[in-house]
Amino acid sequence: MARDLETALLRSFVTVVQAGSISRAATALGQSQPALSQQVRKLERAIGRPLLHRSPSGVSLTRAGEELLPYAERILSLSAQALTETGRTLTGRCGVGLLEDLAASQLPQALADLARLHPGATLEVLSMSNAAMREAYDAGRVHLVLNEVQAVPGPPRWTVRRPLVWAIGHGVDVAADPLPVVLFSNTCSWRTSVLETLERAGRPWRVAFESNSLAGVLAAVRAGLGVAALMPTNLEPAMAGHDADALPTLPDVELGLARHPRSEGDPLIDAVETALRRTI
């Protein structure tokens, strides 16, 4: 007999990963923590493998969870789009500016799925510096920007908070004094907040490696140069260690969505904005 995955269970799993903990996800979904835990365990039984490492500071993905996550996100995105987009024909062009950490997530895939439903539409996804994003937004090349709330080029029409988690390089001693830290070299709000978190916890630190790209930060962590703060969707299984409990809890990141005022009323951009909100 063929087995099916329940979308409700997948939504619970994805929300837990995005929130970084079962308690925060339960609040977001309006459920009790025990009920949500039961749903995640039901999904784990269906998959036949553990999906999450659970600890007092939150959750992290197992290898099976890392493998399932992109499928779960895509199934949920396609389900939502099938309910709203079937029967509609959208045309035109929409430019979307994404924070690099989000461009490496499932957001581009969700947009590609939307474009496939509407072959007469053109979607362009851009990831660039804040200054370049502002220029593209002002020129009308970018209609929607999803970035750190402080960096969006227009007034945010929607905001959401997402957790940061520790990525630990292979062989890195999290009790080291000073703690080796891998950082983004470009200015971002969480670079400052991460270092302030370590300072408040009384943890001496040193910059072991800096990069202006997510790929560079991930490469440094893989090489065992130190620890880094990442969004959960960018955390690789080998970087998720139970010894993360020895590190202070990281602050959330606030993301904001800005929309160019000249795009109001455009059905394609309405649909893209809806897809972004659902996926993030």
C-alpha atoms as a PDB file:
ATOM      1  CA  MET A   1       0.000   0.000   0.000  1.00  0.00           C
ATOM      2  CA  ALA A   2       1.326   3.428  -0.937  1.00  0.00           C
ATOM      3  CA  ARG A   3       2.180   5.759   1.929  1.00  0.00           C
ATOM      4  CA  ASP A   4       1.320   9.455   1.935  1.00  0.00           C
ATOM      5  CA  LEU A   5       2.729  12.307   4.002  1.00  0.00           C
ATOM      6  CA  GLU A   6       0.135  14.482   5.689  1.00  0.00           C
ATOM      7  CA  THR A   7       0.587  18.155   4.876  1.00  0.00           C
ATOM      8  CA  ALA A   8      -0.460  19.081   8.427  1.00  0.00           C
ATOM      9  CA  LEU A   9       2.459  17.078   9.820  1.00  0.00           C
ATOM     10  CA  LEU A  10       4.841  18.620   7.307  1.00  0.00           C
ATOM     11  CA  ARG A  11       3.618  22.102   8.280  1.00  0.00           C
ATOM     12  CA  SER A  12       4.268  21.325  11.931  1.00  0.00           C
ATOM     13  CA  PHE A  13       7.782  20.103  11.135  1.00  0.00           C
ATOM     14  CA  VAL A  14       8.656  23.111   8.957  1.00  0.00           C
ATOM     15  CA  THR A  15       7.302  25.561  11.534  1.00  0.00           C
ATOM     16  CA  VAL A  16       9.392  23.959  14.286  1.00  0.00           C
ATOM     17  CA  VAL A  17      12.521  24.259  12.128  1.00  0.00           C
ATOM     18  CA  GLN A  18      11.772  27.884  11.258  1.00  0.00           C
ATOM     19  CA  ALA A  19      11.027  28.800  14.871  1.00  0.00           C
ATOM     20  CA  GLY A  20      14.052  26.969  16.250  1.00  0.00           C
ATOM     21  CA  SER A  21      12.085  25.383  19.091  1.00  0.00           C
ATOM     22  CA  ILE A  22       8.886  23.447  19.663  1.00  0.00           C
ATOM     23  CA  SER A  23       7.599  25.969  22.196  1.00  0.00           C
ATOM     24  CA  ARG A  24       7.942  28.925  19.803  1.00  0.00           C
ATOM     25  CA  ALA A  25       6.415  26.917  16.967  1.00  0.00           C
ATOM     26  CA  ALA A  26       3.471  25.902  19.157  1.00  0.00           C
ATOM     27  CA  THR A  27       2.804  29.564  19.882  1.00  0.00           C
ATOM     28  CA  ALA A  28       2.990  30.442  16.181  1.00  0.00           C
ATOM     29  CA  LEU A  29       0.572  27.656  15.255  1.00  0.00           C
ATOM     30  CA  GLY A  30      -1.785  28.261  18.178  1.00  0.00           C
ATOM     31  CA  GLN A  31      -1.273  24.727  19.496  1.00  0.00           C
ATOM     32  CA  SER A  32      -0.117  23.236  22.755  1.00  0.00           C
ATOM     33  CA  GLN A  33       3.506  22.132  22.970  1.00  0.00           C
ATOM     34  CA  PRO A  34       2.622  18.463  23.718  1.00  0.00           C
ATOM     35  CA  ALA A  35       0.235  18.332  20.733  1.00  0.00           C
ATOM     36  CA  LEU A  36       2.876  19.729  18.397  1.00  0.00           C
ATOM     37  CA  SER A  37       5.530  17.353  19.741  1.00  0.00           C
ATOM     38  CA  GLN A  38       3.150  14.474  19.074  1.00  0.00           C
ATOM     39  CA  GLN A  39       2.666  15.595  15.466  1.00  0.00           C
ATOM     40  CA  VAL A  40       6.422  15.785  14.879  1.00  0.00           C
ATOM     41  CA  ARG A  41       6.888  12.310  16.360  1.00  0.00           C
ATOM     42  CA  LYS A  42       4.076  10.985  14.145  1.00  0.00           C
ATOM     43  CA  LEU A  43       5.934  12.344  11.120  1.00  0.00           C
ATOM     44  CA  GLU A  44       9.165  10.752  12.364  1.00  0.00           C
ATOM     45  CA  ARG A  45       7.368   7.401  12.594  1.00  0.00           C
ATOM     46  CA  ALA A  46       6.078   7.825   9.045  1.00  0.00           C
ATOM     47  CA  ILE A  47       9.581   8.629   7.779  1.00  0.00           C
ATOM     48  CA  GLY A  48      11.139   5.929   9.933  1.00  0.00           C
ATOM     49  CA  ARG A  49      14.010   8.109  11.178  1.00  0.00           C
ATOM     50  CA  PRO A  50      14.470  10.891  13.756  1.00  0.00           C
ATOM     51  CA  LEU A  51      14.143  14.331  12.181  1.00  0.00           C
ATOM     52  CA  LEU A  52      15.201  16.598  15.046  1.00  0.00           C
ATOM     53  CA  HIS A  53      17.845  16.771  17.746  1.00  0.00           C
ATOM     54  CA  ARG A  54      16.059  18.127  20.822  1.00  0.00           C
ATOM     55  CA  SER A  55      17.863  20.072  23.555  1.00  0.00           C
ATOM     56  CA  PRO A  56      16.931  22.625  26.262  1.00  0.00           C
ATOM     57  CA  SER A  57      18.032  25.468  23.956  1.00  0.00           C
ATOM     58  CA  GLY A  58      15.912  24.343  20.997  1.00  0.00           C
ATOM     59  CA  VAL A  59      16.021  21.926  18.087  1.00  0.00           C
ATOM     60  CA  SER A  60      18.362  21.184  15.217  1.00  0.00           C
ATOM     61  CA  LEU A  61      17.982  18.965  12.178  1.00  0.00           C
ATOM     62  CA  THR A  62      19.254  15.420  11.945  1.00  0.00           C
ATOM     63  CA  ARG A  63      20.540  14.245   8.588  1.00  0.00           C
ATOM     64  CA  ALA A  64      17.088  12.818   7.825  1.00  0.00           C
ATOM     65  CA  GLY A  65      15.521  16.145   8.810  1.00  0.00           C
ATOM     66  CA  GLU A  66      17.933  18.006   6.551  1.00  0.00           C
ATOM     67  CA  GLU A  67      16.955  15.712   3.675  1.00  0.00           C
ATOM     68  CA  LEU A  68      13.215  16.051   4.310  1.00  0.00           C
ATOM     69  CA  LEU A  69      13.081  19.826   4.831  1.00  0.00           C
ATOM     70  CA  PRO A  70      13.318  20.977   1.176  1.00  0.00           C
ATOM     71  CA  TYR A  71      10.691  18.430   0.158  1.00  0.00           C
ATOM     72  CA  ALA A  72       8.384  19.488   2.993  1.00  0.00           C
ATOM     73  CA  GLU A  73       8.739  23.177   2.142  1.00  0.00           C
ATOM     74  CA  ARG A  74       8.084  22.542  -1.521  1.00  0.00           C
ATOM     75  CA  ILE A  75       5.050  20.325  -0.864  1.00  0.00           C
ATOM     76  CA  LEU A  76       3.505  22.999   1.354  1.00  0.00           C
ATOM     77  CA  SER A  77       4.268  25.728  -1.162  1.00  0.00           C
ATOM     78  CA  LEU A  78       2.795  23.729  -4.055  1.00  0.00           C
ATOM     79  CA  SER A  79      -0.289  22.870  -2.001  1.00  0.00           C
ATOM     80  CA  ALA A  80      -0.932  26.523  -1.219  1.00  0.00           C
ATOM     81  CA  GLN A  81      -0.301  27.595  -4.807  1.00  0.00           C
ATOM     82  CA  ALA A  82      -2.579  24.867  -6.186  1.00  0.00           C
ATOM     83  CA  LEU A  83      -5.423  26.197  -4.052  1.00  0.00           C
ATOM     84  CA  THR A  84      -4.985  29.806  -5.159  1.00  0.00           C
ATOM     85  CA  GLU A  85      -3.376  29.758  -8.596  1.00  0.00           C
ATOM     86  CA  THR A  86      -5.237  26.995 -10.435  1.00  0.00           C
ATOM     87  CA  GLY A  87      -7.359  28.539 -13.154  1.00  0.00           C
ATOM     88  CA  ARG A  88      -5.575  31.903 -13.099  1.00  0.00           C
ATOM     89  CA  THR A  89      -3.270  33.175 -15.816  1.00  0.00           C
ATOM     90  CA  LEU A  90      -0.698  35.739 -14.728  1.00  0.00           C
ATOM     91  CA  THR A  91       1.663  37.641 -17.000  1.00  0.00           C
ATOM     92  CA  GLY A  92       4.240  40.381 -16.611  1.00  0.00           C
ATOM     93  CA  ARG A  93       7.485  40.664 -14.679  1.00  0.00           C
ATOM     94  CA  CYS A  94       8.375  40.709 -10.987  1.00  0.00           C
ATOM     95  CA  GLY A  95      11.822  41.362  -9.521  1.00  0.00           C
ATOM     96  CA  VAL A  96      12.471  39.980  -6.040  1.00  0.00           C
ATOM     97  CA  GLY A  97      15.409  41.033  -3.857  1.00  0.00           C
ATOM     98  CA  LEU A  98      16.395  38.508  -1.182  1.00  0.00           C
ATOM     99  CA  LEU A  99      18.840  38.512   1.692  1.00  0.00           C
ATOM    100  CA  GLU A 100      21.565  36.029   0.680  1.00  0.00           C
ATOM    101  CA  ASP A 101      20.705  33.687   3.557  1.00  0.00           C
ATOM    102  CA  LEU A 102      17.145  33.485   2.209  1.00  0.00           C
ATOM    103  CA  ALA A 103      18.298  33.111  -1.396  1.00  0.00           C
ATOM    104  CA  ALA A 104      20.049  29.917  -0.276  1.00  0.00           C
ATOM    105  CA  SER A 105      16.812  28.570   1.235  1.00  0.00           C
ATOM    106  CA  GLN A 106      13.673  27.196  -0.437  1.00  0.00           C
ATOM    107  CA  LEU A 107      12.292  30.622  -1.346  1.00  0.00           C
ATOM    108  CA  PRO A 108      13.716  30.600  -4.915  1.00  0.00           C
ATOM    109  CA  GLN A 109      12.250  27.117  -5.466  1.00  0.00           C
ATOM    110  CA  ALA A 110       8.825  28.337  -4.329  1.00  0.00           C
ATOM    111  CA  LEU A 111       9.071  31.222  -6.790  1.00  0.00           C
ATOM    112  CA  ALA A 112      10.191  28.855  -9.559  1.00  0.00           C
ATOM    113  CA  ASP A 113       7.138  26.697  -8.879  1.00  0.00           C
ATOM    114  CA  LEU A 114       4.932  29.783  -9.166  1.00  0.00           C
ATOM    115  CA  ALA A 115       6.590  30.724 -12.465  1.00  0.00           C
ATOM    116  CA  ARG A 116       5.954  27.216 -13.780  1.00  0.00           C
ATOM    117  CA  LEU A 117       2.246  27.657 -13.088  1.00  0.00           C
ATOM    118  CA  HIS A 118       2.293  30.917 -15.074  1.00  0.00           C
ATOM    119  CA  PRO A 119       4.586  30.500 -18.103  1.00  0.00           C
ATOM    120  CA  GLY A 120       3.666  33.960 -19.344  1.00  0.00           C
ATOM    121  CA  ALA A 121       5.236  35.573 -16.269  1.00  0.00           C
ATOM    122  CA  THR A 122       8.892  36.422 -15.714  1.00  0.00           C
ATOM    123  CA  LEU A 123      10.385  36.303 -12.205  1.00  0.00           C
ATOM    124  CA  GLU A 124      13.871  37.563 -11.388  1.00  0.00           C
ATOM    125  CA  VAL A 125      15.498  36.832  -8.012  1.00  0.00           C
ATOM    126  CA  LEU A 126      18.405  39.060  -6.985  1.00  0.00           C
ATOM    127  CA  SER A 127      20.759  38.941  -4.021  1.00  0.00           C
ATOM    128  CA  MET A 128      23.100  41.918  -3.705  1.00  0.00           C
ATOM    129  CA  SER A 129      24.446  44.533  -1.313  1.00  0.00           C
ATOM    130  CA  ASN A 130      21.968  46.787   0.458  1.00  0.00           C
ATOM    131  CA  ALA A 131      23.121  49.795  -1.571  1.00  0.00           C
ATOM    132  CA  ALA A 132      22.723  47.939  -4.864  1.00  0.00           C
ATOM    133  CA  MET A 133      19.341  46.629  -3.756  1.00  0.00           C
ATOM    134  CA  ARG A 134      18.176  50.145  -2.986  1.00  0.00           C
ATOM    135  CA  GLU A 135      19.315  51.294  -6.425  1.00  0.00           C
ATOM    136  CA  ALA A 136      17.473  48.427  -8.151  1.00  0.00           C
ATOM    137  CA  TYR A 137      14.370  49.126  -6.052  1.00  0.00           C
ATOM    138  CA  ASP A 138      14.398  52.852  -6.860  1.00  0.00           C
ATOM    139  CA  ALA A 139      14.858  52.054 -10.566  1.00  0.00           C
ATOM    140  CA  GLY A 140      11.836  49.726 -10.531  1.00  0.00           C
ATOM    141  CA  ARG A 141      13.849  46.600 -11.383  1.00  0.00           C
ATOM    142  CA  VAL A 142      13.000  45.110  -7.973  1.00  0.00           C
ATOM    143  CA  HIS A 143       9.394  45.192  -6.814  1.00  0.00           C
ATOM    144  CA  LEU A 144       9.639  43.162  -3.596  1.00  0.00           C
ATOM    145  CA  VAL A 145      12.518  43.060  -1.098  1.00  0.00           C
ATOM    146  CA  LEU A 146      12.797  40.578   1.777  1.00  0.00           C
ATOM    147  CA  ASN A 147      15.736  41.503   3.982  1.00  0.00           C
ATOM    148  CA  GLU A 148      16.700  42.459   7.511  1.00  0.00           C
ATOM    149  CA  VAL A 149      14.078  44.956   8.571  1.00  0.00           C
ATOM    150  CA  GLN A 150      16.695  47.706   9.005  1.00  0.00           C
ATOM    151  CA  ALA A 151      17.877  47.213   5.411  1.00  0.00           C
ATOM    152  CA  VAL A 152      14.648  47.090   3.411  1.00  0.00           C
ATOM    153  CA  PRO A 153      14.540  50.032   0.970  1.00  0.00           C
ATOM    154  CA  GLY A 154      10.981  51.061   1.768  1.00  0.00           C
ATOM    155  CA  PRO A 155       8.595  50.947   4.725  1.00  0.00           C
ATOM    156  CA  PRO A 156       8.084  47.273   5.622  1.00  0.00           C
ATOM    157  CA  ARG A 157       4.516  46.144   5.037  1.00  0.00           C
ATOM    158  CA  TRP A 158       5.149  42.903   6.881  1.00  0.00           C
ATOM    159  CA  THR A 159       7.728  41.700   9.422  1.00  0.00           C
ATOM    160  CA  VAL A 160       8.576  38.334  10.929  1.00  0.00           C
ATOM    161  CA  ARG A 161      11.119  37.161  13.487  1.00  0.00           C
ATOM    162  CA  ARG A 162      13.302  34.133  12.827  1.00  0.00           C
ATOM    163  CA  PRO A 163      15.823  32.508  15.189  1.00  0.00           C
ATOM    164  CA  LEU A 164      19.547  32.184  14.747  1.00  0.00           C
ATOM    165  CA  VAL A 165      21.342  28.976  15.690  1.00  0.00           C
ATOM    166  CA  TRP A 166      24.962  28.064  16.319  1.00  0.00           C
ATOM    167  CA  ALA A 167      26.817  26.238  13.561  1.00  0.00           C
ATOM    168  CA  ILE A 168      29.807  24.424  15.059  1.00  0.00           C
ATOM    169  CA  GLY A 169      32.805  23.445  12.975  1.00  0.00           C
ATOM    170  CA  HIS A 170      34.172  19.916  13.170  1.00  0.00           C
ATOM    171  CA  GLY A 171      36.519  19.549  16.109  1.00  0.00           C
ATOM    172  CA  VAL A 172      35.833  23.044  17.489  1.00  0.00           C
ATOM    173  CA  ASP A 173      35.937  23.241  21.286  1.00  0.00           C
ATOM    174  CA  VAL A 174      33.008  25.435  22.305  1.00  0.00           C
ATOM    175  CA  ALA A 175      34.623  25.890  25.718  1.00  0.00           C
ATOM    176  CA  ALA A 176      37.742  27.435  24.157  1.00  0.00           C
ATOM    177  CA  ASP A 177      38.934  30.709  25.635  1.00  0.00           C
ATOM    178  CA  PRO A 178      38.738  32.766  23.492  1.00  0.00           C
ATOM    179  CA  LEU A 179      35.986  31.221  21.371  1.00  0.00           C
ATOM    180  CA  PRO A 180      36.858  31.173  17.637  1.00  0.00           C
ATOM    181  CA  VAL A 181      34.030  32.877  15.725  1.00  0.00           C
ATOM    182  CA  VAL A 182      33.307  32.936  11.992  1.00  0.00           C
ATOM    183  CA  LEU A 183      31.580  36.166  10.965  1.00  0.00           C
ATOM    184  CA  PHE A 184      30.063  37.926   7.992  1.00  0.00           C
ATOM    185  CA  SER A 185      32.435  40.763   7.143  1.00  0.00           C
ATOM    186  CA  ASN A 186      29.715  42.960   5.679  1.00  0.00           C
ATOM    187  CA  THR A 187      27.632  45.051   8.035  1.00  0.00           C
ATOM    188  CA  CYS A 188      24.585  43.183   9.273  1.00  0.00           C
ATOM    189  CA  SER A 189      22.511  43.528  12.389  1.00  0.00           C
ATOM    190  CA  TRP A 190      23.167  40.047  13.648  1.00  0.00           C
ATOM    191  CA  ARG A 191      26.964  40.361  13.463  1.00  0.00           C
ATOM    192  CA  THR A 192      26.695  43.017  16.154  1.00  0.00           C
ATOM    193  CA  SER A 193      24.016  41.209  18.159  1.00  0.00           C
ATOM    194  CA  VAL A 194      25.963  37.918  18.105  1.00  0.00           C
ATOM    195  CA  LEU A 195      29.092  39.575  19.484  1.00  0.00           C
ATOM    196  CA  GLU A 196      27.037  41.467  22.068  1.00  0.00           C
ATOM    197  CA  THR A 197      25.460  38.156  23.128  1.00  0.00           C
ATOM    198  CA  LEU A 198      28.897  36.651  23.728  1.00  0.00           C
ATOM    199  CA  GLU A 199      30.004  39.754  25.638  1.00  0.00           C
ATOM    200  CA  ARG A 200      26.931  39.636  27.904  1.00  0.00           C
ATOM    201  CA  ALA A 201      27.564  35.952  28.572  1.00  0.00           C
ATOM    202  CA  GLY A 202      31.144  36.736  29.584  1.00  0.00           C
ATOM    203  CA  ARG A 203      32.562  34.647  26.746  1.00  0.00           C
ATOM    204  CA  PRO A 204      35.863  35.969  25.351  1.00  0.00           C
ATOM    205  CA  TRP A 205      35.976  35.587  21.566  1.00  0.00           C
ATOM    206  CA  ARG A 206      38.284  36.067  18.602  1.00  0.00           C
ATOM    207  CA  VAL A 207      37.530  36.442  14.916  1.00  0.00           C
ATOM    208  CA  ALA A 208      38.827  33.268  13.269  1.00  0.00           C
ATOM    209  CA  PHE A 209      37.486  33.984   9.797  1.00  0.00           C
ATOM    210  CA  GLU A 210      35.401  36.584   7.984  1.00  0.00           C
ATOM    211  CA  SER A 211      33.616  36.450   4.645  1.00  0.00           C
ATOM    212  CA  ASN A 212      31.170  38.691   2.834  1.00  0.00           C
ATOM    213  CA  SER A 213      29.207  35.663   1.563  1.00  0.00           C
ATOM    214  CA  LEU A 214      27.210  32.817   3.057  1.00  0.00           C
ATOM    215  CA  ALA A 215      29.242  30.346   0.979  1.00  0.00           C
ATOM    216  CA  GLY A 216      32.459  31.611   2.574  1.00  0.00           C
ATOM    217  CA  VAL A 217      31.066  31.386   6.105  1.00  0.00           C
ATOM    218  CA  LEU A 218      29.791  27.856   5.508  1.00  0.00           C
ATOM    219  CA  ALA A 219      33.146  26.796   4.046  1.00  0.00           C
ATOM    220  CA  ALA A 220      34.979  28.120   7.108  1.00  0.00           C
ATOM    221  CA  VAL A 221      32.673  26.275   9.493  1.00  0.00           C
ATOM    222  CA  ARG A 222      33.022  23.073   7.472  1.00  0.00           C
ATOM    223  CA  ALA A 223      36.805  23.470   7.745  1.00  0.00           C
ATOM    224  CA  GLY A 224      36.530  23.580  11.538  1.00  0.00           C
ATOM    225  CA  LEU A 225      37.692  27.180  11.950  1.00  0.00           C
ATOM    226  CA  GLY A 226      35.086  28.146  14.529  1.00  0.00           C
ATOM    227  CA  VAL A 227      31.411  28.702  15.267  1.00  0.00           C
ATOM    228  CA  ALA A 228      28.973  30.903  13.352  1.00  0.00           C
ATOM    229  CA  ALA A 229      25.420  32.176  13.712  1.00  0.00           C
ATOM    230  CA  LEU A 230      23.122  30.987  10.912  1.00  0.00           C
ATOM    231  CA  MET A 231      19.463  30.654  10.111  1.00  0.00           C
ATOM    232  CA  PRO A 232      18.236  27.089  10.791  1.00  0.00           C
ATOM    233  CA  THR A 233      17.533  26.384   7.105  1.00  0.00           C
ATOM    234  CA  ASN A 234      21.227  26.991   6.306  1.00  0.00           C
ATOM    235  CA  LEU A 235      22.542  24.745   9.079  1.00  0.00           C
ATOM    236  CA  GLU A 236      24.109  21.553   7.748  1.00  0.00           C
ATOM    237  CA  PRO A 237      23.712  18.358   9.827  1.00  0.00           C
ATOM    238  CA  ALA A 238      27.442  18.077  10.538  1.00  0.00           C
ATOM    239  CA  MET A 239      27.383  21.585  12.062  1.00  0.00           C
ATOM    240  CA  ALA A 240      24.602  20.873  14.554  1.00  0.00           C
ATOM    241  CA  GLY A 241      26.235  19.676  17.758  1.00  0.00           C
ATOM    242  CA  HIS A 242      24.615  18.938  21.100  1.00  0.00           C
ATOM    243  CA  ASP A 243      27.427  20.963  22.694  1.00  0.00           C
ATOM    244  CA  ALA A 244      25.680  24.072  21.355  1.00  0.00           C
ATOM    245  CA  ASP A 245      24.038  24.147  24.798  1.00  0.00           C
ATOM    246  CA  ALA A 246      27.392  25.418  26.104  1.00  0.00           C
ATOM    247  CA  LEU A 247      26.956  28.574  24.030  1.00  0.00           C
ATOM    248  CA  PRO A 248      24.616  31.461  24.887  1.00  0.00           C
ATOM    249  CA  THR A 249      21.197  31.587  23.240  1.00  0.00           C
ATOM    250  CA  LEU A 250      21.273  33.729  20.129  1.00  0.00           C
ATOM    251  CA  PRO A 251      18.788  36.530  19.448  1.00  0.00           C
ATOM    252  CA  ASP A 252      16.166  36.405  16.737  1.00  0.00           C
ATOM    253  CA  VAL A 253      16.539  38.183  13.409  1.00  0.00           C
ATOM    254  CA  GLU A 254      13.721  40.477  12.302  1.00  0.00           C
ATOM    255  CA  LEU A 255      12.980  40.306   8.593  1.00  0.00           C
ATOM    256  CA  GLY A 256      10.916  42.830   6.687  1.00  0.00           C
ATOM    257  CA  LEU A 257       9.140  42.775   3.339  1.00  0.00           C
ATOM    258  CA  ALA A 258       9.006  46.006   1.308  1.00  0.00           C
ATOM    259  CA  ARG A 259       6.986  46.484  -1.877  1.00  0.00           C
ATOM    260  CA  HIS A 260       7.508  49.185  -4.455  1.00  0.00           C
ATOM    261  CA  PRO A 261       4.526  51.571  -4.328  1.00  0.00           C
ATOM    262  CA  ARG A 262       4.172  51.578  -8.129  1.00  0.00           C
ATOM    263  CA  SER A 263       3.468  47.829  -8.064  1.00  0.00           C
ATOM    264  CA  GLU A 264       0.250  48.062  -6.061  1.00  0.00           C
ATOM    265  CA  GLY A 265      -2.629  46.261  -7.734  1.00  0.00           C
ATOM    266  CA  ASP A 266      -0.409  44.129  -9.986  1.00  0.00           C
ATOM    267  CA  PRO A 267      -1.843  40.557  -9.815  1.00  0.00           C
ATOM    268  CA  LEU A 268       1.512  38.879 -10.474  1.00  0.00           C
ATOM    269  CA  ILE A 269       3.287  40.802  -7.735  1.00  0.00           C
ATOM    270  CA  ASP A 270       0.348  40.138  -5.414  1.00  0.00           C
ATOM    271  CA  ALA A 271       0.835  36.407  -6.054  1.00  0.00           C
ATOM    272  CA  VAL A 272       4.613  36.587  -5.509  1.00  0.00           C
ATOM    273  CA  GLU A 273       4.158  38.489  -2.248  1.00  0.00           C
ATOM    274  CA  THR A 274       1.700  35.838  -1.054  1.00  0.00           C
ATOM    275  CA  ALA A 275       4.155  33.065  -1.972  1.00  0.00           C
ATOM    276  CA  LEU A 276       6.973  34.799  -0.068  1.00  0.00           C
ATOM    277  CA  ARG A 277       4.861  35.198   3.046  1.00  0.00           C
ATOM    278  CA  ARG A 278       3.715  31.599   2.986  1.00  0.00           C
ATOM    279  CA  THR A 279       7.175  30.185   2.463  1.00  0.00           C
ATOM    280  CA  ILE A 280       9.025  32.298   5.033  1.00  0.00           C
END
